């Protein structure tokens, strides 16, 4: 006994979102993430950002 294989549509076959839906989603996401943009960065994340900045500085100089 075999299971039927579900057909999947490629991402390009999905209908585009209307401009009003895109605006609504954009506003919702901005309001949802607005607080996180003003919160301080955690110590661990700050360390990782510093390491990335340092490695990019070295790469730019070489």
PDB file of N, CA and C in Angstrom:
ATOM      1  N   UNK A   1       0.838  -1.180   0.000  1.00  0.00           N
ATOM      2  CA  UNK A   1       0.000   0.000   0.000  1.00  0.00           C
ATOM      3  C   UNK A   1       0.885   1.247   0.000  1.00  0.00           C
ATOM      4  N   UNK A   2       0.685   2.146  -0.921  1.00  0.00           N
ATOM      5  CA  UNK A   2       1.498   3.352  -1.007  1.00  0.00           C
ATOM      6  C   UNK A   2       0.644   4.570  -0.720  1.00  0.00           C
ATOM      7  N   UNK A   3       1.300   5.559  -0.174  1.00  0.00           N
ATOM      8  CA  UNK A   3       0.609   6.815   0.114  1.00  0.00           C
ATOM      9  C   UNK A   3       0.585   7.663  -1.154  1.00  0.00           C
ATOM     10  N   UNK A   4      -0.511   8.376  -1.377  1.00  0.00           N
ATOM     11  CA  UNK A   4      -0.524   9.270  -2.543  1.00  0.00           C
ATOM     12  C   UNK A   4       0.443  10.425  -2.332  1.00  0.00           C
ATOM     13  N   UNK A   5       1.087  10.819  -3.389  1.00  0.00           N
ATOM     14  CA  UNK A   5       2.031  11.926  -3.333  1.00  0.00           C
ATOM     15  C   UNK A   5       1.265  13.221  -3.555  1.00  0.00           C
ATOM     16  N   UNK A   6       1.401  14.149  -2.619  1.00  0.00           N
ATOM     17  CA  UNK A   6       0.721  15.438  -2.742  1.00  0.00           C
ATOM     18  C   UNK A   6       1.436  16.287  -3.774  1.00  0.00           C
ATOM     19  N   UNK A   7       0.663  16.864  -4.652  1.00  0.00           N
ATOM     20  CA  UNK A   7       1.259  17.753  -5.640  1.00  0.00           C
ATOM     21  C   UNK A   7       1.472  19.120  -5.010  1.00  0.00           C
ATOM     22  N   UNK A   8       2.641  19.679  -5.238  1.00  0.00           N
ATOM     23  CA  UNK A   8       2.931  21.007  -4.711  1.00  0.00           C
ATOM     24  C   UNK A   8       3.118  21.971  -5.865  1.00  0.00           C
ATOM     25  N   UNK A   9       2.617  23.152  -5.688  1.00  0.00           N
ATOM     26  CA  UNK A   9       2.767  24.183  -6.710  1.00  0.00           C
ATOM     27  C   UNK A   9       4.061  24.938  -6.455  1.00  0.00           C
ATOM     28  N   UNK A  10       4.757  25.310  -7.493  1.00  0.00           N
ATOM     29  CA  UNK A  10       5.951  26.139  -7.281  1.00  0.00           C
ATOM     30  C   UNK A  10       5.543  27.493  -6.722  1.00  0.00           C
ATOM     31  N   UNK A  11       6.457  28.126  -6.017  1.00  0.00           N
ATOM     32  CA  UNK A  11       6.162  29.413  -5.377  1.00  0.00           C
ATOM     33  C   UNK A  11       5.692  30.450  -6.387  1.00  0.00           C
ATOM     34  N   UNK A  12       6.183  30.369  -7.611  1.00  0.00           N
ATOM     35  CA  UNK A  12       5.799  31.358  -8.611  1.00  0.00           C
ATOM     36  C   UNK A  12       4.345  31.204  -9.032  1.00  0.00           C
ATOM     37  N   UNK A  13       3.730  30.035  -8.744  1.00  0.00           N
ATOM     38  CA  UNK A  13       2.347  29.811  -9.123  1.00  0.00           C
ATOM     39  C   UNK A  13       1.370  30.412  -8.106  1.00  0.00           C
ATOM     40  N   UNK A  14       1.866  30.833  -6.956  1.00  0.00           N
ATOM     41  CA  UNK A  14       0.996  31.417  -5.933  1.00  0.00           C
ATOM     42  C   UNK A  14       0.484  32.769  -6.420  1.00  0.00           C
ATOM     43  N   UNK A  15      -0.778  33.058  -6.169  1.00  0.00           N
ATOM     44  CA  UNK A  15      -1.296  34.355  -6.617  1.00  0.00           C
ATOM     45  C   UNK A  15      -0.643  35.485  -5.836  1.00  0.00           C
ATOM     46  N   UNK A  16      -0.364  36.603  -6.502  1.00  0.00           N
ATOM     47  CA  UNK A  16       0.261  37.730  -5.797  1.00  0.00           C
ATOM     48  C   UNK A  16      -0.715  38.360  -4.807  1.00  0.00           C
ATOM     49  N   UNK A  17      -0.156  38.954  -3.785  1.00  0.00           N
ATOM     50  CA  UNK A  17      -0.993  39.640  -2.794  1.00  0.00           C
ATOM     51  C   UNK A  17      -1.412  40.995  -3.338  1.00  0.00           C
ATOM     52  N   UNK A  18      -2.618  41.369  -3.027  1.00  0.00           N
ATOM     53  CA  UNK A  18      -3.105  42.667  -3.492  1.00  0.00           C
ATOM     54  C   UNK A  18      -2.369  43.779  -2.744  1.00  0.00           C
ATOM     55  N   UNK A  19      -2.301  44.971  -3.314  1.00  0.00           N
ATOM     56  CA  UNK A  19      -1.625  46.081  -2.641  1.00  0.00           C
ATOM     57  C   UNK A  19      -2.201  46.376  -1.254  1.00  0.00           C
ATOM     58  N   UNK A  20      -3.519  46.258  -1.100  1.00  0.00           N
ATOM     59  CA  UNK A  20      -4.111  46.548   0.218  1.00  0.00           C
ATOM     60  C   UNK A  20      -3.685  45.513   1.257  1.00  0.00           C
ATOM     61  N   UNK A  21      -3.586  44.242   0.849  1.00  0.00           N
ATOM     62  CA  UNK A  21      -3.136  43.198   1.776  1.00  0.00           C
ATOM     63  C   UNK A  21      -1.670  43.426   2.123  1.00  0.00           C
ATOM     64  N   UNK A  22      -0.854  43.788   1.137  1.00  0.00           N
ATOM     65  CA  UNK A  22       0.564  44.059   1.406  1.00  0.00           C
ATOM     66  C   UNK A  22       0.728  45.234   2.362  1.00  0.00           C
ATOM     67  N   UNK A  23      -0.053  46.298   2.183  1.00  0.00           N
ATOM     68  CA  UNK A  23       0.009  47.450   3.099  1.00  0.00           C
ATOM     69  C   UNK A  23      -0.380  47.039   4.505  1.00  0.00           C
ATOM     70  N   UNK A  24      -1.454  46.265   4.616  1.00  0.00           N
ATOM     71  CA  UNK A  24      -1.910  45.815   5.936  1.00  0.00           C
ATOM     72  C   UNK A  24      -0.843  44.957   6.618  1.00  0.00           C
ATOM     73  N   UNK A  25      -0.259  44.024   5.881  1.00  0.00           N
ATOM     74  CA  UNK A  25       0.799  43.187   6.456  1.00  0.00           C
ATOM     75  C   UNK A  25       1.998  44.023   6.870  1.00  0.00           C
ATOM     76  N   UNK A  26       2.382  44.986   6.036  1.00  0.00           N
ATOM     77  CA  UNK A  26       3.510  45.850   6.362  1.00  0.00           C
ATOM     78  C   UNK A  26       3.279  46.646   7.630  1.00  0.00           C
ATOM     79  N   UNK A  27       2.094  47.232   7.740  1.00  0.00           N
ATOM     80  CA  UNK A  27       1.768  48.009   8.952  1.00  0.00           C
ATOM     81  C   UNK A  27       1.760  47.109  10.181  1.00  0.00           C
ATOM     82  N   UNK A  28       1.188  45.927  10.047  1.00  0.00           N
ATOM     83  CA  UNK A  28       1.122  45.008  11.184  1.00  0.00           C
ATOM     84  C   UNK A  28       2.514  44.578  11.633  1.00  0.00           C
ATOM     85  N   UNK A  29       3.369  44.240  10.678  1.00  0.00           N
ATOM     86  CA  UNK A  29       4.728  43.821  11.030  1.00  0.00           C
ATOM     87  C   UNK A  29       5.528  44.965  11.643  1.00  0.00           C
ATOM     88  N   UNK A  30       5.389  46.181  11.086  1.00  0.00           N
ATOM     89  CA  UNK A  30       6.104  47.328  11.662  1.00  0.00           C
ATOM     90  C   UNK A  30       5.666  47.579  13.095  1.00  0.00           C
ATOM     91  N   UNK A  31       4.373  47.533  13.360  1.00  0.00           N
ATOM     92  CA  UNK A  31       3.907  47.785  14.726  1.00  0.00           C
ATOM     93  C   UNK A  31       4.319  46.657  15.661  1.00  0.00           C
ATOM     94  N   UNK A  32       4.344  45.436  15.155  1.00  0.00           N
ATOM     95  CA  UNK A  32       4.741  44.293  15.982  1.00  0.00           C
ATOM     96  C   UNK A  32       6.213  44.377  16.388  1.00  0.00           C
ATOM     97  N   UNK A  33       7.065  44.791  15.467  1.00  0.00           N
ATOM     98  CA  UNK A  33       8.505  44.820  15.731  1.00  0.00           C
ATOM     99  C   UNK A  33       9.024  46.184  16.185  1.00  0.00           C
ATOM    100  N   UNK A  34       8.184  47.200  16.278  1.00  0.00           N
ATOM    101  CA  UNK A  34       8.626  48.543  16.652  1.00  0.00           C
ATOM    102  C   UNK A  34       9.315  48.559  18.017  1.00  0.00           C
ATOM    103  N   UNK A  35       8.761  47.856  18.984  1.00  0.00           N
ATOM    104  CA  UNK A  35       9.358  47.838  20.319  1.00  0.00           C
ATOM    105  C   UNK A  35      10.733  47.187  20.319  1.00  0.00           C
ATOM    106  N   UNK A  36      10.903  46.143  19.533  1.00  0.00           N
ATOM    107  CA  UNK A  36      12.194  45.446  19.539  1.00  0.00           C
ATOM    108  C   UNK A  36      13.302  46.311  18.940  1.00  0.00           C
ATOM    109  N   UNK A  37      12.951  47.284  18.112  1.00  0.00           N
ATOM    110  CA  UNK A  37      13.965  48.158  17.533  1.00  0.00           C
ATOM    111  C   UNK A  37      14.486  49.179  18.538  1.00  0.00           C
ATOM    112  N   UNK A  38      13.722  49.449  19.580  1.00  0.00           N
ATOM    113  CA  UNK A  38      14.151  50.430  20.580  1.00  0.00           C
ATOM    114  C   UNK A  38      14.757  49.776  21.818  1.00  0.00           C
ATOM    115  N   UNK A  39      14.648  48.448  21.931  1.00  0.00           N
ATOM    116  CA  UNK A  39      15.208  47.756  23.085  1.00  0.00           C
ATOM    117  C   UNK A  39      16.720  47.641  22.934  1.00  0.00           C
ATOM    118  N   UNK A  40      17.437  47.620  24.057  1.00  0.00           N
ATOM    119  CA  UNK A  40      18.893  47.462  23.971  1.00  0.00           C
ATOM    120  C   UNK A  40      19.256  46.067  23.459  1.00  0.00           C
ATOM    121  N   UNK A  41      20.382  45.978  22.802  1.00  0.00           N
ATOM    122  CA  UNK A  41      20.869  44.707  22.278  1.00  0.00           C
ATOM    123  C   UNK A  41      21.480  43.928  23.434  1.00  0.00           C
ATOM    124  N   UNK A  42      21.220  42.630  23.472  1.00  0.00           N
ATOM    125  CA  UNK A  42      21.782  41.788  24.526  1.00  0.00           C
ATOM    126  C   UNK A  42      23.294  41.711  24.434  1.00  0.00           C
ATOM    127  N   UNK A  43      23.929  41.378  25.551  1.00  0.00           N
ATOM    128  CA  UNK A  43      25.395  41.335  25.608  1.00  0.00           C
ATOM    129  C   UNK A  43      25.974  40.334  24.618  1.00  0.00           C
ATOM    130  N   UNK A  44      25.358  39.172  24.508  1.00  0.00           N
ATOM    131  CA  UNK A  44      25.877  38.139  23.600  1.00  0.00           C
ATOM    132  C   UNK A  44      25.772  38.600  22.149  1.00  0.00           C
ATOM    133  N   UNK A  45      24.642  39.199  21.793  1.00  0.00           N
ATOM    134  CA  UNK A  45      24.467  39.686  20.430  1.00  0.00           C
ATOM    135  C   UNK A  45      25.430  40.835  20.141  1.00  0.00           C
ATOM    136  N   UNK A  46      25.647  41.686  21.121  1.00  0.00           N
ATOM    137  CA  UNK A  46      26.583  42.801  20.951  1.00  0.00           C
ATOM    138  C   UNK A  46      27.997  42.285  20.698  1.00  0.00           C
ATOM    139  N   UNK A  47      28.389  41.228  21.404  1.00  0.00           N
ATOM    140  CA  UNK A  47      29.706  40.620  21.206  1.00  0.00           C
ATOM    141  C   UNK A  47      29.831  40.058  19.794  1.00  0.00           C
ATOM    142  N   UNK A  48      28.792  39.391  19.328  1.00  0.00           N
ATOM    143  CA  UNK A  48      28.820  38.831  17.979  1.00  0.00           C
ATOM    144  C   UNK A  48      28.889  39.931  16.919  1.00  0.00           C
ATOM    145  N   UNK A  49      28.169  41.019  17.125  1.00  0.00           N
ATOM    146  CA  UNK A  49      28.205  42.141  16.181  1.00  0.00           C
ATOM    147  C   UNK A  49      29.603  42.751  16.149  1.00  0.00           C
ATOM    148  N   UNK A  50      30.205  42.911  17.328  1.00  0.00           N
ATOM    149  CA  UNK A  50      31.572  43.452  17.393  1.00  0.00           C
ATOM    150  C   UNK A  50      32.557  42.557  16.643  1.00  0.00           C
ATOM    151  N   UNK A  51      32.410  41.237  16.805  1.00  0.00           N
ATOM    152  CA  UNK A  51      33.295  40.305  16.105  1.00  0.00           C
ATOM    153  C   UNK A  51      33.109  40.415  14.602  1.00  0.00           C
ATOM    154  N   UNK A  52      31.874  40.553  14.165  1.00  0.00           N
ATOM    155  CA  UNK A  52      31.599  40.695  12.738  1.00  0.00           C
ATOM    156  C   UNK A  52      32.197  41.989  12.201  1.00  0.00           C
ATOM    157  N   UNK A  53      32.011  43.078  12.934  1.00  0.00           N
ATOM    158  CA  UNK A  53      32.593  44.363  12.522  1.00  0.00           C
ATOM    159  C   UNK A  53      34.108  44.269  12.413  1.00  0.00           C
ATOM    160  N   UNK A  54      34.732  43.620  13.370  1.00  0.00           N
ATOM    161  CA  UNK A  54      36.185  43.477  13.382  1.00  0.00           C
ATOM    162  C   UNK A  54      36.658  42.677  12.175  1.00  0.00           C
ATOM    163  N   UNK A  55      35.981  41.571  11.883  1.00  0.00           N
ATOM    164  CA  UNK A  55      36.402  40.750  10.746  1.00  0.00           C
ATOM    165  C   UNK A  55      36.162  41.472   9.425  1.00  0.00           C
ATOM    166  N   UNK A  56      35.108  42.268   9.325  1.00  0.00           N
ATOM    167  CA  UNK A  56      34.862  43.031   8.101  1.00  0.00           C
ATOM    168  C   UNK A  56      35.907  44.138   7.943  1.00  0.00           C
ATOM    169  N   UNK A  57      36.327  44.749   9.046  1.00  0.00           N
ATOM    170  CA  UNK A  57      37.372  45.768   8.981  1.00  0.00           C
ATOM    171  C   UNK A  57      38.676  45.166   8.465  1.00  0.00           C
ATOM    172  N   UNK A  58      39.007  43.978   8.951  1.00  0.00           N
ATOM    173  CA  UNK A  58      40.235  43.307   8.508  1.00  0.00           C
ATOM    174  C   UNK A  58      40.152  42.974   7.023  1.00  0.00           C
ATOM    175  N   UNK A  59      39.004  42.484   6.572  1.00  0.00           N
ATOM    176  CA  UNK A  59      38.838  42.122   5.167  1.00  0.00           C
ATOM    177  C   UNK A  59      38.925  43.353   4.275  1.00  0.00           C
ATOM    178  N   UNK A  60      38.419  44.480   4.739  1.00  0.00           N
ATOM    179  CA  UNK A  60      38.461  45.715   3.942  1.00  0.00           C
ATOM    180  C   UNK A  60      39.888  46.227   3.802  1.00  0.00           C
ATOM    181  N   UNK A  61      40.707  46.005   4.823  1.00  0.00           N
ATOM    182  CA  UNK A  61      42.090  46.485   4.783  1.00  0.00           C
ATOM    183  C   UNK A  61      42.988  45.614   3.912  1.00  0.00           C
ATOM    184  N   UNK A  62      42.606  44.352   3.670  1.00  0.00           N
ATOM    185  CA  UNK A  62      43.494  43.465   2.887  1.00  0.00           C
ATOM    186  C   UNK A  62      43.237  43.567   1.408  1.00  0.00           C
TER     187      UNK A  62
END
